[in-house]
Amino acid sequence: MSARPNTTAASGGSPGRRTAALAGVAALALALSACGGGADDKGGGGASGPPGPAKSGGKLTMLAVQDSSVLDPFRVPNVALADEPRLAALYDPLFYTDPKTRQVAPHLGESLTTSDNGATWTLKLRPGVRFSDGTPLDAAAVKLNYDTHANPATRSVHIAVAMGIKTDVVDPLTVKLTPAAGPNPNLDRAIATELTYIMAPSAIAKGPEKYGAEPVGAGPFVLNSWTRGSEQVYVRNPDYWQKDKGLPKLDQLTFKSVPDIKQQFNTVKSGQADLFISSDGRVLDQAKSELNLAEFKTDGGQIMQFNLRKPPFDDVRARRAVTLALDAADIPKTLNNGYTPTQSFFTASGAFADPAITQTPQNKAEAQRLFDELAAAGKKVDFTYLVPQNPSSVAVAEFMQSRLKEFQNVSMRVEPLEIGQYTVKYAIQRDYQAVLTQIWAVDPEPMLYGYWYSKSPFNLSGWNNPQADAALTAGRASTDPAVRKQAYAELQKALASDVPLWAYAESITGVVYGSKVAGIEHYNAGNIFMDRLGLKQ
C-alpha cells in the first residue's frame, strides 16, 4: 500500500467561468469552516479524547449547521463541518488519510500503488463489495464516477483532480490511473481526499436531479427519509461489506439541522441530541469541562488572506505593516474565544513545521513606519476586510479593526456577508482586498499546491512567488519525508518573507459528544468513520 493526503487540489483545471464557479464552491467549503502537524487526535463531562469502542444497536442524533442541498459525491465539498459526515454514512471512503501516520490507507479499496514514481497508479478494489441496491462496486463503477467528476456538465467541486487523471479499467477489480500532467507520486493523497466517495452507476444513470436526492452508496447506512430543512434519517445497510464484523454499530443515525452553535451545544447537553462537529474555539473549550471532546488539529488555521492582485496589498510593505501591527495572542486574550494563537501556518506539533521559521512578531514601531512610508508615496493602506456573516468571525474582524485604529495612515472596514454572497465576491468575482478564510491541511499535498501554485486556477490570492512554486513542486514530486520537509521549509520561508497571508489561530476542530456516545475515529481532515460510531458498552 502506497502512502500519503489532503483537502482541495489542482492537478489540472478548466478555464473561464467553469473554473470560477468551481473555485467558488471550494471557497464555500472554507467559508463554512469560518462560520462557526501531523494531525493530533486527542481529547472527552470533561473527557478530552475519543471514547472507546461502541456496542451494537441503538440510535444516535448528530447535529449539522445546515441541511444538505444534495447528497451526491460530485457537488458536495468534503468538509467535516458540513456534509462530509453524511457522505461517510452513505458511501464510505474508498481510501483515506490516517491522521496519526499521515499515510493513505485502504478502506473500500484494497490498494493504491505506483511502481514508476507516480507516472501510473494501480487502484485495486476489495472483492465482493456491493452498493446498497445490490450492484457491484467494481472498476467500471470507479471509472464512471471519476469520469462523471471530470465532465464539466456535472459541475463537480472535485473536477480539478478528476480532469487531471486518465482512467482505464484493467479488470473487474482494477483501475489504472494516469496523471495527465506527468508523474505525480502523491496522487494517492488527492484520491483519498477528493475522489474517495463512490456512487452506484445505477443512481448516476438517473441523472443529477434524481441522484442528488436519492443517493446509492456502499456505506454503512442508507437514507430512509429526508425532511427538507429539518432532518435526514439513515438506517443500517443490511448488506454492508463489513456486516460480518458487526458493522455498522448503530441501527439508525439521524442528522438534524441546527444552525446556531450555542443551540447545538445546549441540545447535546440537554440530551436531545448526541454529537456535532465544530471549529468554534469557545465551544470546544466549554465541551472539555461540560461535555466531551475528541479534538483534531491540522496545519492551517484562521487566516487573513490578502489579495495580491489589488491595492493596497499588491505592495508587500502594506501586507507586512498590517501583520506587524497585530498580535495573534491578543485575540483570545481579549475576546476569550478559545482560539489557540499561532505564528505559523504550519502547526508547531506537525511533521513539516520548522520552528526557526515563523511569521514576524508584532512590532508596532515598524508597522507605523511602513504605514507612514506608504502614505508618503500616495499608497495609504485603506482596505475592506471580507468575512462571513456570523458573530464569531465578525467579532474577531472588529477587534482587528479596533487595534489598527491605534495607528496613523491605515483604515480598515469590515464587510460581513451571507455565505453565498461572500463566496461569489471572494471566489468568483475575486473582488476583495483582504478576506477571512480557514484551511485544514492534514498534509500540504494536494491542497497547498492548489491554493498557492502561481498557475493554479484555485490561486484566489494571486500569489506568484518563484520560491513558493519551486517548493510546492518539490513537495509534490517526492515521497521522501526528508525531501518533503525541506521543500516545505522553503515554502515557510516564502510565506514569512512575502506575507501573502497572516495566520492568527491554529486549525482545530472537534467532535463534541454526550455521555452515551462511543466509537469516534477520525480520518482525513476531521471527519469520522460512521460504521464505528455507536453507543457506549
Protein backbone atom coordinates (compact mmCIF):
# COMPACT_ATOMS: atom_id res chain seq x y z
CA MET A 1 0.00 0.00 0.00
CA SER A 2 1.45 3.32 -1.01
CA ALA A 3 1.41 6.11 1.43
CA ARG A 4 0.40 9.68 1.77
CA PRO A 5 -3.02 13.07 1.64
CA ASN A 6 -5.33 16.23 1.76
CA THR A 7 -8.05 18.73 1.03
CA THR A 8 -8.51 20.68 -2.22
CA ALA A 9 -6.21 20.03 -5.14
CA ALA A 10 -5.30 21.32 -8.55
CA SER A 11 -3.72 18.65 -10.69
CA GLY A 12 -5.46 20.20 -13.64
CA GLY A 13 -8.24 22.66 -14.22
CA SER A 14 -10.53 24.34 -16.66
CA PRO A 15 -10.56 27.97 -17.67
CA GLY A 16 -13.10 30.71 -17.55
CA ARG A 17 -16.49 30.60 -15.98
CA ARG A 18 -16.41 26.91 -15.12
CA THR A 19 -13.18 27.28 -13.14
CA ALA A 20 -14.53 30.34 -11.33
CA ALA A 21 -17.69 28.50 -10.32
CA LEU A 22 -15.69 25.53 -9.10
CA ALA A 23 -13.37 27.77 -7.13
CA GLY A 24 -16.47 29.36 -5.63
CA VAL A 25 -17.68 26.07 -4.24
CA ALA A 26 -14.24 25.36 -2.82
CA ALA A 27 -14.35 28.75 -1.14
CA LEU A 28 -17.79 27.95 0.23
CA ALA A 29 -16.29 24.94 1.96
CA LEU A 30 -13.71 27.18 3.59
CA ALA A 31 -16.32 29.76 4.47
CA LEU A 32 -18.39 27.15 6.26
CA SER A 33 -15.43 26.39 8.48
CA ALA A 34 -15.02 30.06 9.29
CA CYS A 35 -18.64 30.14 10.37
CA GLY A 36 -18.77 28.55 13.40
CA GLY A 37 1.44 18.62 12.15
CA GLY A 38 0.67 15.81 11.88
CA ALA A 39 -2.91 15.85 12.87
CA ASP A 40 -3.34 15.48 16.59
CA ASP A 41 -6.28 13.28 17.54
CA LYS A 42 -6.89 13.85 21.20
CA GLY A 43 -9.42 14.92 23.53
CA GLY A 44 -13.55 13.59 26.39
CA GLY A 45 -18.07 15.94 31.48
CA GLY A 46 -14.97 16.78 30.92
CA ALA A 47 -13.40 13.97 28.94
CA SER A 48 -10.95 15.12 26.33
CA GLY A 49 -10.26 12.47 23.72
CA PRO A 50 -12.06 9.89 21.60
CA PRO A 51 -14.20 7.40 23.56
CA GLY A 52 -13.73 3.64 23.39
CA PRO A 53 -15.41 1.15 21.05
CA ALA A 54 -19.20 1.05 20.73
CA LYS A 55 -21.70 -1.73 21.30
CA SER A 56 -24.09 -2.93 18.62
CA GLY A 57 -27.56 -1.47 18.21
CA GLY A 58 -29.36 1.72 19.10
CA LYS A 59 -29.80 5.21 17.68
CA LEU A 60 -27.88 8.47 17.73
CA THR A 61 -28.63 12.01 16.56
CA MET A 62 -25.91 14.19 15.04
CA LEU A 63 -26.34 17.94 14.53
CA ALA A 64 -25.22 19.91 11.48
CA VAL A 65 -25.08 23.64 10.78
CA GLN A 66 -27.34 23.29 7.75
CA ASP A 67 -29.38 20.84 5.73
CA SER A 68 -27.87 19.31 2.61
CA SER A 69 -28.78 20.66 -0.79
CA VAL A 70 -27.74 17.39 -2.45
CA LEU A 71 -26.19 14.14 -1.24
CA ASP A 72 -24.10 13.06 -4.21
CA PRO A 73 -20.29 12.94 -4.06
CA PHE A 74 -19.93 15.24 -7.08
CA ARG A 75 -21.41 18.51 -5.85
CA VAL A 76 -20.62 18.23 -2.14
CA PRO A 77 -17.29 19.57 -0.78
CA ASN A 78 -15.55 17.09 1.52
CA VAL A 79 -15.72 19.23 4.66
CA ALA A 80 -16.23 17.63 8.08
CA LEU A 81 -18.13 20.66 9.39
CA ALA A 82 -20.62 20.46 6.54
CA ASP A 83 -21.87 17.43 4.57
CA GLU A 84 -18.94 15.01 4.69
CA PRO A 85 -20.25 13.02 7.70
CA ARG A 86 -23.37 12.30 5.65
CA LEU A 87 -21.23 11.19 2.70
CA ALA A 88 -19.33 8.88 5.04
CA ALA A 89 -22.60 7.34 6.20
CA LEU A 90 -23.84 6.77 2.64
CA TYR A 91 -20.69 5.92 0.72
CA ASP A 92 -17.74 5.02 2.99
CA PRO A 93 -14.28 6.21 1.90
CA LEU A 94 -12.51 4.29 -0.82
CA PHE A 95 -9.17 5.40 0.61
CA TYR A 96 -8.48 7.78 3.48
CA THR A 97 -5.69 9.61 5.24
CA ASP A 98 -4.78 8.21 8.63
CA PRO A 99 -4.24 11.32 10.79
CA LYS A 100 -1.77 9.53 13.08
CA THR A 101 0.55 8.27 10.35
CA ARG A 102 -0.23 10.80 7.58
CA GLN A 103 -0.40 7.82 5.25
CA VAL A 104 -3.10 6.97 2.76
CA ALA A 105 -4.84 3.79 3.86
CA PRO A 106 -7.36 1.46 2.16
CA HIS A 107 -11.00 1.07 3.17
CA LEU A 108 -13.43 0.09 0.40
CA GLY A 109 -10.36 -0.05 -1.81
CA GLU A 110 -7.75 -2.73 -1.32
CA SER A 111 -4.62 -0.92 -2.51
CA LEU A 112 -3.43 2.15 -4.40
CA THR A 113 0.15 1.78 -5.61
CA THR A 114 2.66 3.11 -8.09
CA SER A 115 5.72 1.28 -9.40
CA ASP A 116 7.05 4.09 -11.60
CA ASN A 117 7.24 7.06 -9.21
CA GLY A 118 3.75 8.28 -9.98
CA ALA A 119 3.69 8.02 -13.78
CA THR A 120 0.86 5.49 -13.39
CA TRP A 121 -1.13 4.19 -10.44
CA THR A 122 -2.94 0.89 -9.88
CA LEU A 123 -6.16 1.06 -7.87
CA LYS A 124 -7.43 -2.31 -6.66
CA LEU A 125 -10.84 -2.89 -5.07
CA ARG A 126 -11.91 -5.40 -2.46
CA PRO A 127 -13.81 -8.35 -3.95
CA GLY A 128 -17.48 -8.81 -3.08
CA VAL A 129 -18.33 -5.21 -2.13
CA ARG A 130 -21.80 -4.16 -3.31
CA PHE A 131 -23.76 -0.97 -3.32
CA SER A 132 -26.91 -0.87 -1.21
CA ASP A 133 -29.01 -1.65 -4.30
CA GLY A 134 -27.11 -4.91 -4.82
CA THR A 135 -24.99 -3.82 -7.79
CA PRO A 136 -21.19 -4.36 -7.60
CA LEU A 137 -18.68 -1.75 -6.58
CA ASP A 138 -16.23 -2.63 -9.35
CA ALA A 139 -13.65 -0.98 -11.58
CA ALA A 140 -16.29 0.20 -14.04
CA ALA A 141 -18.12 1.98 -11.20
CA VAL A 142 -14.95 3.79 -10.11
CA LYS A 143 -14.15 4.82 -13.69
CA LEU A 144 -17.70 6.10 -14.22
CA ASN A 145 -17.52 8.17 -11.03
CA TYR A 146 -14.18 9.71 -11.94
CA ASP A 147 -15.31 10.41 -15.50
CA THR A 148 -18.51 11.98 -14.14
CA HIS A 149 -16.43 14.24 -11.87
CA ALA A 150 -14.32 15.23 -14.89
CA ASN A 151 -17.33 16.09 -17.07
CA PRO A 152 -17.86 19.89 -16.90
CA ALA A 153 -21.62 19.40 -17.18
CA THR A 154 -21.63 17.70 -13.77
CA ARG A 155 -20.27 20.86 -12.11
CA SER A 156 -18.30 18.68 -9.72
CA VAL A 157 -16.49 20.53 -6.96
CA HIS A 158 -13.70 17.96 -7.38
CA ILE A 159 -13.20 18.48 -11.12
CA ALA A 160 -9.68 19.86 -10.73
CA VAL A 161 -8.39 16.48 -9.55
CA ALA A 162 -10.58 14.34 -11.81
CA MET A 163 -9.71 16.23 -15.01
CA GLY A 164 -6.05 15.56 -14.30
CA ILE A 165 -6.46 11.77 -14.36
CA LYS A 166 -6.92 9.34 -17.24
CA THR A 167 -8.78 6.19 -16.12
CA ASP A 168 -8.64 2.71 -17.68
CA VAL A 169 -10.38 -0.46 -16.50
CA VAL A 170 -7.80 -3.28 -16.34
CA ASP A 171 -10.05 -5.97 -14.94
CA PRO A 172 -13.26 -6.05 -12.83
CA LEU A 173 -11.38 -5.01 -9.68
CA THR A 174 -8.52 -2.94 -11.10
CA VAL A 175 -8.33 0.61 -12.46
CA LYS A 176 -5.23 2.17 -13.98
CA LEU A 177 -4.83 5.89 -13.22
CA THR A 178 -2.52 8.08 -15.29
CA PRO A 179 -1.85 11.68 -14.19
CA ALA A 180 -2.36 13.81 -17.29
CA ALA A 181 0.24 16.44 -16.36
CA GLY A 182 3.02 13.92 -15.81
CA PRO A 183 4.21 11.78 -12.89
CA ASN A 184 2.63 12.55 -9.53
CA PRO A 185 3.97 10.34 -6.71
CA ASN A 186 1.44 11.95 -4.35
CA LEU A 187 -1.68 11.32 -6.42
CA ASP A 188 -3.00 8.94 -3.77
CA ARG A 189 -3.42 11.91 -1.44
CA ALA A 190 -5.73 13.59 -3.93
CA ILE A 191 -7.73 10.38 -4.38
CA ALA A 192 -8.10 9.95 -0.62
CA THR A 193 -9.41 13.45 -0.05
CA GLU A 194 -11.18 14.46 -3.26
CA LEU A 195 -12.33 11.29 -5.04
CA THR A 196 -12.91 8.89 -2.19
CA TYR A 197 -16.73 8.58 -2.25
CA ILE A 198 -18.21 6.36 -4.97
CA MET A 199 -21.87 6.39 -6.12
CA ALA A 200 -23.62 3.42 -7.72
CA PRO A 201 -23.76 3.63 -11.54
CA SER A 202 -27.46 2.73 -11.31
CA ALA A 203 -28.04 6.01 -9.45
CA ILE A 204 -25.81 8.07 -11.74
CA ALA A 205 -27.82 6.82 -14.72
CA LYS A 206 -30.91 8.58 -13.34
CA GLY A 207 -29.25 12.00 -13.67
CA PRO A 208 -28.38 14.74 -11.15
CA GLU A 209 -31.97 15.70 -10.37
CA LYS A 210 -32.51 12.18 -9.04
CA TYR A 211 -29.14 11.09 -7.67
CA GLY A 212 -28.71 14.22 -5.56
CA ALA A 213 -31.85 13.34 -3.60
CA GLU A 214 -31.83 9.54 -3.94
CA PRO A 215 -28.23 8.56 -3.21
CA VAL A 216 -26.98 4.98 -3.53
CA GLY A 217 -23.62 4.07 -2.00
CA ALA A 218 -21.81 1.16 -0.39
CA GLY A 219 -21.61 2.77 3.04
CA PRO A 220 -22.88 1.59 6.42
CA PHE A 221 -26.24 3.38 6.11
CA VAL A 222 -28.97 4.10 3.58
CA LEU A 223 -31.16 7.19 3.51
CA ASN A 224 -34.57 6.30 4.93
CA SER A 225 -36.25 9.74 4.98
CA TRP A 226 -35.41 13.39 4.37
CA THR A 227 -37.46 16.27 5.72
CA ARG A 228 -36.03 19.23 3.88
CA GLY A 229 -34.65 21.92 6.14
CA SER A 230 -35.02 19.73 9.21
CA GLU A 231 -33.60 16.22 9.34
CA GLN A 232 -32.36 13.16 7.50
CA VAL A 233 -32.84 9.67 8.92
CA TYR A 234 -30.38 6.93 7.98
CA VAL A 235 -30.84 3.24 8.76
CA ARG A 236 -28.41 0.34 8.79
CA ASN A 237 -27.38 -1.06 5.41
CA PRO A 238 -28.19 -4.79 5.80
CA ASP A 239 -25.70 -5.70 3.05
CA TYR A 240 -22.81 -3.59 4.33
CA TRP A 241 -19.46 -5.06 3.30
CA GLN A 242 -18.32 -5.27 6.95
CA LYS A 243 -21.52 -6.75 8.37
CA ASP A 244 -19.62 -9.91 9.39
CA LYS A 245 -17.57 -7.70 11.72
CA GLY A 246 -20.74 -6.39 13.36
CA LEU A 247 -20.66 -3.09 11.49
CA PRO A 248 -22.22 -0.63 11.42
CA LYS A 249 -22.75 -0.43 15.16
CA LEU A 250 -25.89 1.69 15.01
CA ASP A 251 -29.35 0.72 13.78
CA GLN A 252 -30.22 4.35 12.99
CA LEU A 253 -28.40 7.66 12.62
CA THR A 254 -30.31 10.94 12.35
CA PHE A 255 -28.85 14.25 11.16
CA LYS A 256 -30.70 17.35 12.36
CA SER A 257 -30.09 20.89 11.14
CA VAL A 258 -29.32 23.38 13.93
CA PRO A 259 -27.52 26.45 12.54
CA ASP A 260 -26.75 28.15 15.86
CA ILE A 261 -23.59 26.84 17.57
CA LYS A 262 -24.75 27.62 21.10
CA GLN A 263 -28.03 25.87 20.41
CA GLN A 264 -26.10 22.84 19.15
CA PHE A 265 -24.14 22.72 22.39
CA ASN A 266 -27.21 23.11 24.59
CA THR A 267 -29.14 20.50 22.57
CA VAL A 268 -26.42 17.90 23.20
CA LYS A 269 -26.03 18.97 26.83
CA SER A 270 -29.77 18.51 27.41
CA GLY A 271 -29.67 15.04 25.84
CA GLN A 272 -31.90 15.94 22.89
CA ALA A 273 -29.02 15.13 20.51
CA ASP A 274 -25.74 13.28 20.86
CA LEU A 275 -22.90 14.92 18.93
CA PHE A 276 -21.78 17.59 16.47
CA ILE A 277 -18.54 18.77 14.86
CA SER A 278 -17.34 22.32 15.49
CA SER A 279 -14.34 24.58 14.95
CA ASP A 280 -15.55 27.26 17.37
CA GLY A 281 -12.81 27.59 19.99
CA ARG A 282 -15.09 28.74 22.76
CA VAL A 283 -17.46 25.81 22.21
CA LEU A 284 -14.57 23.34 22.14
CA ASP A 285 -13.18 24.74 25.39
CA GLN A 286 -16.61 24.57 27.01
CA ALA A 287 -17.02 20.97 25.88
CA LYS A 288 -13.86 19.96 27.76
CA SER A 289 -15.48 20.86 31.05
CA GLU A 290 -19.21 20.36 30.43
CA LEU A 291 -19.46 17.63 27.79
CA ASN A 292 -16.87 15.54 25.95
CA LEU A 293 -14.48 16.40 23.15
CA ALA A 294 -12.48 14.47 20.56
CA GLU A 295 -10.18 17.18 19.24
CA PHE A 296 -8.46 17.20 15.86
CA LYS A 297 -5.64 19.51 14.81
CA THR A 298 -4.07 20.09 11.37
CA ASP A 299 -1.80 22.59 9.67
CA GLY A 300 -3.56 25.76 8.59
CA GLY A 301 -5.94 27.74 10.71
CA GLN A 302 -7.80 31.02 10.86
CA ILE A 303 -6.21 33.27 8.25
CA MET A 304 -6.34 36.83 6.96
CA GLN A 305 -5.65 36.29 3.25
CA PHE A 306 -4.51 39.25 1.16
CA ASN A 307 -5.41 39.83 -2.48
CA LEU A 308 -2.05 40.44 -4.11
CA ARG A 309 -3.70 41.48 -7.38
CA LYS A 310 -5.16 44.71 -5.92
CA PRO A 311 -4.01 47.73 -3.92
CA PRO A 312 -3.04 48.13 -1.20
CA PHE A 313 -1.81 44.57 -0.78
CA ASP A 314 -0.10 44.31 -4.14
CA ASP A 315 2.70 46.04 -2.19
CA VAL A 316 4.47 43.76 0.29
CA ARG A 317 5.02 46.70 2.61
CA ALA A 318 1.26 47.01 3.16
CA ARG A 319 0.95 43.31 3.94
CA ARG A 320 3.88 43.46 6.29
CA ALA A 321 2.61 46.60 8.04
CA VAL A 322 -0.80 45.12 8.84
CA THR A 323 0.66 41.90 10.23
CA LEU A 324 3.26 43.76 12.28
CA ALA A 325 0.50 45.90 13.80
CA LEU A 326 -1.45 42.89 15.10
CA ASP A 327 -0.75 40.27 17.77
CA ALA A 328 -2.31 36.80 17.39
CA ALA A 329 -2.16 36.13 21.13
CA ASP A 330 -4.12 39.30 21.82
CA ILE A 331 -7.25 37.91 20.12
CA PRO A 332 -8.15 35.05 22.51
CA LYS A 333 -6.79 37.01 25.47
CA THR A 334 -9.23 39.85 24.78
CA LEU A 335 -12.20 38.04 23.24
CA ASN A 336 -11.97 34.81 25.26
CA ASN A 337 -12.98 32.92 22.11
CA GLY A 338 -10.93 29.78 22.69
CA TYR A 339 -8.52 30.38 19.79
CA THR A 340 -5.02 28.96 20.07
CA PRO A 341 -2.72 31.68 18.69
CA THR A 342 -0.10 30.76 16.12
CA GLN A 343 2.94 32.30 14.50
CA SER A 344 2.99 29.96 11.52
CA PHE A 345 0.66 28.34 9.02
CA PHE A 346 2.31 25.04 9.98
CA THR A 347 1.33 23.92 13.47
CA ALA A 348 4.30 23.52 15.81
CA SER A 349 3.50 19.85 16.50
CA GLY A 350 3.28 18.96 12.82
CA ALA A 351 5.69 16.94 10.70
CA PHE A 352 6.61 19.85 8.43
CA ALA A 353 6.93 22.72 10.88
CA ASP A 354 10.32 24.41 11.11
CA PRO A 355 10.40 26.17 14.49
CA ALA A 356 13.09 28.52 13.21
CA ILE A 357 10.76 29.93 10.54
CA THR A 358 7.79 31.92 11.80
CA GLN A 359 5.79 34.98 10.91
CA THR A 360 7.44 38.18 12.11
CA PRO A 361 6.04 39.01 15.57
CA GLN A 362 4.23 42.23 16.37
CA ASN A 363 6.36 45.36 16.01
CA LYS A 364 4.24 48.48 16.36
CA ALA A 365 7.02 50.92 15.63
CA GLU A 366 7.96 49.22 12.37
CA ALA A 367 4.29 48.91 11.41
CA GLN A 368 3.79 52.66 11.85
CA ARG A 369 6.97 53.40 9.89
CA LEU A 370 5.67 51.35 6.97
CA PHE A 371 2.19 52.91 7.13
CA ASP A 372 3.81 56.37 7.02
CA GLU A 373 6.16 55.41 4.20
CA LEU A 374 3.29 54.10 2.08
CA ALA A 375 1.14 57.16 2.76
CA ALA A 376 4.01 59.46 1.75
CA ALA A 377 4.19 57.56 -1.55
CA GLY A 378 0.45 58.04 -2.14
CA LYS A 379 -0.33 54.44 -1.14
CA LYS A 380 -2.20 54.80 2.13
CA VAL A 381 -3.27 51.40 3.49
CA ASP A 382 -7.04 51.71 3.13
CA PHE A 383 -8.87 48.40 2.80
CA THR A 384 -12.02 46.37 3.35
CA TYR A 385 -11.92 43.01 5.17
CA LEU A 386 -14.46 40.47 3.87
CA VAL A 387 -15.85 37.99 6.41
CA PRO A 388 -18.74 35.50 6.63
CA GLN A 389 -21.71 36.95 8.46
CA ASN A 390 -21.53 35.17 11.81
CA PRO A 391 -20.91 36.56 15.30
CA SER A 392 -17.55 34.88 15.89
CA SER A 393 -15.97 35.96 12.60
CA VAL A 394 -17.33 39.50 12.85
CA ALA A 395 -16.13 39.87 16.45
CA VAL A 396 -12.55 38.96 15.52
CA ALA A 397 -12.61 41.24 12.49
CA GLU A 398 -13.90 44.17 14.52
CA PHE A 399 -11.23 43.51 17.13
CA MET A 400 -8.55 43.74 14.42
CA GLN A 401 -10.17 46.92 13.18
CA SER A 402 -10.03 48.43 16.69
CA ARG A 403 -6.33 47.63 17.01
CA LEU A 404 -5.49 49.20 13.64
CA LYS A 405 -7.26 52.38 14.74
CA GLU A 406 -4.34 52.90 17.11
CA PHE A 407 -2.13 53.63 14.08
CA GLN A 408 -1.96 56.55 11.67
CA ASN A 409 -2.32 56.24 7.89
CA VAL A 410 -4.27 52.97 7.93
CA SER A 411 -8.01 52.41 7.60
CA MET A 412 -9.87 49.09 7.80
CA ARG A 413 -13.56 48.42 7.15
CA VAL A 414 -15.30 45.15 8.00
CA GLU A 415 -17.73 43.76 5.40
CA PRO A 416 -19.80 40.83 6.76
CA LEU A 417 -21.72 38.92 4.07
CA GLU A 418 -24.09 35.97 3.97
CA ILE A 419 -22.21 32.83 2.90
CA GLY A 420 -23.50 32.80 -0.67
CA GLN A 421 -22.66 36.47 -1.24
CA TYR A 422 -19.30 36.02 0.47
CA THR A 423 -18.47 33.11 -1.84
CA VAL A 424 -19.40 34.96 -5.01
CA LYS A 425 -17.45 38.07 -4.06
CA TYR A 426 -14.38 36.22 -2.80
CA ALA A 427 -14.01 33.25 -5.13
CA ILE A 428 -15.92 34.01 -8.31
CA GLN A 429 -15.57 37.76 -8.68
CA ARG A 430 -12.35 37.83 -6.62
CA ASP A 431 -13.50 41.28 -5.57
CA TYR A 432 -11.78 41.68 -2.22
CA GLN A 433 -8.71 43.26 -0.68
CA ALA A 434 -8.42 41.00 2.37
CA VAL A 435 -10.62 38.08 3.37
CA LEU A 436 -11.08 35.73 6.31
CA THR A 437 -10.62 32.10 5.40
CA GLN A 438 -9.69 28.87 7.15
CA ILE A 439 -7.61 25.98 5.87
CA TRP A 440 -7.31 22.45 7.22
CA ALA A 441 -4.29 20.63 5.79
CA VAL A 442 -3.55 17.13 7.07
CA ASP A 443 -0.70 17.20 4.56
CA PRO A 444 0.46 20.03 2.28
CA GLU A 445 -0.31 17.95 -0.81
CA PRO A 446 -2.54 18.41 -2.71
CA MET A 447 -4.28 21.35 -1.02
CA LEU A 448 -1.49 23.89 -0.80
CA TYR A 449 -0.40 23.31 -4.38
CA GLY A 450 -3.93 24.11 -5.45
CA TYR A 451 -4.14 27.30 -3.38
CA TRP A 452 -0.67 28.77 -3.84
CA TYR A 453 0.97 27.49 -7.01
CA SER A 454 1.06 30.54 -9.26
CA LYS A 455 -0.64 28.91 -12.26
CA SER A 456 -3.34 27.06 -10.31
CA PRO A 457 -6.93 28.09 -11.13
CA PHE A 458 -7.63 27.98 -7.39
CA ASN A 459 -4.96 30.52 -6.52
CA LEU A 460 -7.51 33.09 -5.36
CA SER A 461 -4.94 35.40 -3.77
CA GLY A 462 -2.81 35.89 -6.88
CA TRP A 463 0.36 34.84 -5.05
CA ASN A 464 3.13 34.42 -7.62
CA ASN A 465 6.39 33.56 -5.91
CA PRO A 466 9.15 31.52 -7.61
CA GLN A 467 10.45 30.21 -4.28
CA ALA A 468 6.96 29.02 -3.31
CA ASP A 469 6.36 27.47 -6.74
CA ALA A 470 9.63 25.55 -6.53
CA ALA A 471 8.84 24.36 -3.01
CA LEU A 472 5.32 23.23 -3.92
CA THR A 473 6.62 21.41 -6.99
CA ALA A 474 9.35 19.68 -4.99
CA GLY A 475 6.88 18.66 -2.28
CA ARG A 476 4.56 17.15 -4.87
CA ALA A 477 7.37 15.36 -6.72
CA SER A 478 8.73 13.36 -3.77
CA THR A 479 7.56 10.86 -1.18
CA ASP A 480 10.80 11.04 0.81
CA PRO A 481 9.93 12.61 4.20
CA ALA A 482 13.27 14.42 4.42
CA VAL A 483 12.97 15.87 0.92
CA ARG A 484 9.40 16.97 1.56
CA LYS A 485 10.27 18.52 4.91
CA GLN A 486 12.99 20.56 3.24
CA ALA A 487 10.64 21.58 0.44
CA TYR A 488 8.01 22.84 2.86
CA ALA A 489 10.67 24.60 4.94
CA GLU A 490 11.37 26.60 1.77
CA LEU A 491 7.64 27.27 1.45
CA GLN A 492 7.58 28.56 5.03
CA LYS A 493 10.45 30.93 4.20
CA ALA A 494 8.47 32.28 1.25
CA LEU A 495 5.38 32.73 3.41
CA ALA A 496 7.38 34.59 6.05
CA SER A 497 9.17 36.91 3.62
CA ASP A 498 6.40 37.61 1.09
CA VAL A 499 3.48 37.69 3.60
CA PRO A 500 0.61 36.58 1.29
CA LEU A 501 -1.42 35.85 4.42
CA TRP A 502 -1.44 36.15 8.18
CA ALA A 503 -2.29 33.03 10.21
CA TYR A 504 -3.51 34.01 13.66
CA ALA A 505 -5.17 30.89 15.15
CA GLU A 506 -4.44 27.19 14.84
CA SER A 507 -6.79 24.97 12.86
CA ILE A 508 -8.66 22.91 15.43
CA THR A 509 -11.93 21.06 15.07
CA GLY A 510 -13.56 18.64 17.43
CA VAL A 511 -16.41 16.24 17.88
CA VAL A 512 -18.48 17.45 20.84
CA TYR A 513 -20.42 14.49 22.21
CA GLY A 514 -22.69 13.37 25.03
CA SER A 515 -22.20 10.71 27.67
CA LYS A 516 -23.62 7.76 25.73
CA VAL A 517 -21.51 8.13 22.55
CA ALA A 518 -18.63 5.80 21.66
CA GLY A 519 -16.64 4.72 18.63
CA ILE A 520 -15.38 8.10 17.39
CA GLU A 521 -12.46 7.60 14.99
CA HIS A 522 -11.19 10.44 12.81
CA TYR A 523 -9.93 10.32 9.25
CA ASN A 524 -8.89 12.86 6.61
CA ALA A 525 -9.33 16.43 7.89
CA GLY A 526 -11.60 15.73 10.87
CA ASN A 527 -14.39 13.51 9.54
CA ILE A 528 -15.34 10.34 11.43
CA PHE A 529 -15.98 6.74 10.39
CA MET A 530 -19.72 6.25 10.62
CA ASP A 531 -19.56 2.44 10.71
CA ARG A 532 -17.82 2.53 14.12
CA LEU A 533 -19.93 5.25 15.72
CA GLY A 534 -22.35 3.98 18.35
CA LEU A 535 -23.44 3.73 21.97
CA LYS A 536 -21.17 3.05 24.93
CA GLN A 537 -20.85 -0.55 26.03
